[in-house]
Amino acid sequence: MITHVVLLKPRADLTTDERRAFVAAFAHAIREIPSVRKIRVGRRVLCGAGYELGMPDTGDFFAAIDFDDLNGLQTYLRHDAHAEVGVLFGRSLSSALVYDFEVGGLEMLEEWA
């Protein structure tokens, strides 16, 4: 499985309509692109842990999108519905980090050791 992980921080001056347009474009892409297997989204939670002080202020939200394989991710990235998200991504965010991971169980970490 491949997981596409996006940490994103919306611009502080985004209007309600701009936020809604971004969310609508993202939801449309997730529903429209058949290679998407699972989507998880979340809002950052601060719990007072020491590591929070050392983290860059890059992500208020995250999205993790799962695909069967690399081909599924590439299909998603090349799809017209994703292109629309990409345009709004640049306009709507003050910062973002995007990474792709091959995902499995604990055995993946054990292979690294």
Protein backbone atom coordinates (compact mmCIF):
# COMPACT_ATOMS: atom_id res chain seq x y z
CA MET A 1 0.00 0.00 0.00
CA ILE A 2 1.10 3.57 -0.71
CA THR A 3 -0.03 6.42 1.55
CA HIS A 4 0.08 10.03 0.33
CA VAL A 5 0.48 12.22 3.44
CA VAL A 6 -0.23 15.94 3.33
CA LEU A 7 0.27 18.35 6.23
CA LEU A 8 -1.35 21.67 5.48
CA LYS A 9 -1.79 25.06 7.06
CA PRO A 10 -4.49 27.27 5.52
CA ARG A 11 -3.75 30.94 5.01
CA ALA A 12 -5.05 32.97 7.97
CA ASP A 13 -6.83 35.41 5.65
CA LEU A 14 -8.80 32.79 3.70
CA THR A 15 -12.45 33.68 3.32
CA THR A 16 -15.21 31.21 4.11
CA ASP A 17 -15.94 30.87 0.39
CA GLU A 18 -12.27 30.12 -0.36
CA ARG A 19 -12.18 27.47 2.37
CA ARG A 20 -15.35 25.88 1.05
CA ALA A 21 -14.01 25.88 -2.51
CA PHE A 22 -10.84 24.09 -1.42
CA VAL A 23 -12.75 21.50 0.60
CA ALA A 24 -15.22 20.93 -2.24
CA ALA A 25 -12.43 20.45 -4.80
CA PHE A 26 -10.60 18.02 -2.51
CA ALA A 27 -13.77 16.04 -1.75
CA HIS A 28 -14.59 15.91 -5.47
CA ALA A 29 -11.13 14.55 -6.28
CA ILE A 30 -11.37 11.87 -3.59
CA ARG A 31 -14.78 10.74 -4.84
CA GLU A 32 -13.96 11.03 -8.55
CA ILE A 33 -10.57 9.30 -8.74
CA PRO A 34 -11.10 5.54 -8.65
CA SER A 35 -7.60 4.61 -7.44
CA VAL A 36 -8.25 6.18 -3.99
CA ARG A 37 -8.80 3.35 -1.50
CA LYS A 38 -9.11 5.20 1.80
CA ILE A 39 -8.94 8.75 3.10
CA ARG A 40 -8.28 10.00 6.61
CA VAL A 41 -8.23 13.66 7.57
CA GLY A 42 -7.57 15.30 10.89
CA ARG A 43 -6.97 18.50 12.79
CA ARG A 44 -3.82 18.98 14.85
CA VAL A 45 -4.19 18.45 18.58
CA LEU A 46 -1.81 19.99 21.08
CA CYS A 47 -1.38 17.94 24.25
CA GLY A 48 1.56 19.65 25.98
CA ALA A 49 4.19 17.12 24.89
CA GLY A 50 7.78 18.36 24.74
CA TYR A 51 8.17 17.55 21.05
CA GLU A 52 5.50 20.12 20.17
CA LEU A 53 7.93 22.95 20.97
CA GLY A 54 10.41 21.77 18.34
CA MET A 55 7.96 21.27 15.50
CA PRO A 56 7.67 23.76 12.65
CA ASP A 57 4.29 25.46 12.42
CA THR A 58 3.53 23.72 9.13
CA GLY A 59 0.35 21.76 9.61
CA ASP A 60 -2.98 22.50 11.23
CA PHE A 61 -4.57 19.65 9.26
CA PHE A 62 -3.47 16.42 7.65
CA ALA A 63 -4.79 14.14 4.95
CA ALA A 64 -3.63 10.57 4.41
CA ILE A 65 -4.80 9.03 1.15
CA ASP A 66 -4.24 5.32 0.54
CA PHE A 67 -3.66 3.59 -2.80
CA ASP A 68 -3.06 -0.05 -3.69
CA ASP A 69 0.27 0.76 -5.30
CA LEU A 70 2.46 3.43 -6.86
CA ASN A 71 0.47 3.29 -10.08
CA GLY A 72 -2.68 4.21 -8.12
CA LEU A 73 -0.92 7.24 -6.62
CA GLN A 74 0.34 8.33 -10.03
CA THR A 75 -3.17 7.96 -11.47
CA TYR A 76 -4.45 10.23 -8.70
CA LEU A 77 -1.72 12.82 -9.23
CA ARG A 78 -2.34 12.98 -13.00
CA HIS A 79 -6.14 13.13 -12.81
CA ASP A 80 -7.92 16.34 -13.87
CA ALA A 81 -9.78 16.47 -10.54
CA HIS A 82 -6.43 16.52 -8.71
CA ALA A 83 -5.20 19.33 -10.96
CA GLU A 84 -8.07 21.48 -9.66
CA VAL A 85 -7.03 20.73 -6.07
CA GLY A 86 -3.45 21.63 -6.98
CA VAL A 87 -4.44 25.09 -8.17
CA LEU A 88 -6.39 25.80 -4.98
CA PHE A 89 -3.64 24.20 -2.87
CA GLY A 90 -1.21 26.92 -3.91
CA ARG A 91 -3.72 29.71 -3.38
CA SER A 92 -5.18 28.51 -0.08
CA LEU A 93 -2.23 27.43 2.04
CA SER A 94 0.48 29.30 3.87
CA SER A 95 2.54 26.09 4.15
CA ALA A 96 2.39 22.39 3.42
CA LEU A 97 4.46 19.23 3.49
CA VAL A 98 3.71 16.30 1.16
CA TYR A 99 5.26 12.84 1.42
CA ASP A 100 4.52 9.40 0.00
CA PHE A 101 5.14 6.20 1.95
CA GLU A 102 5.08 2.50 1.31
CA VAL A 103 3.01 1.29 4.26
CA GLY A 104 2.79 -2.02 6.07
CA GLY A 105 2.94 -3.41 9.56
CA LEU A 106 5.70 -3.61 12.12
CA GLU A 107 7.68 -5.83 9.75
CA MET A 108 8.53 -2.72 7.70
CA LEU A 109 10.35 -1.22 10.69
CA GLU A 110 12.00 -4.54 11.48
CA GLU A 111 13.33 -4.70 7.89
CA TRP A 112 14.97 -1.31 8.46
CA ALA A 113 16.75 -2.55 11.60
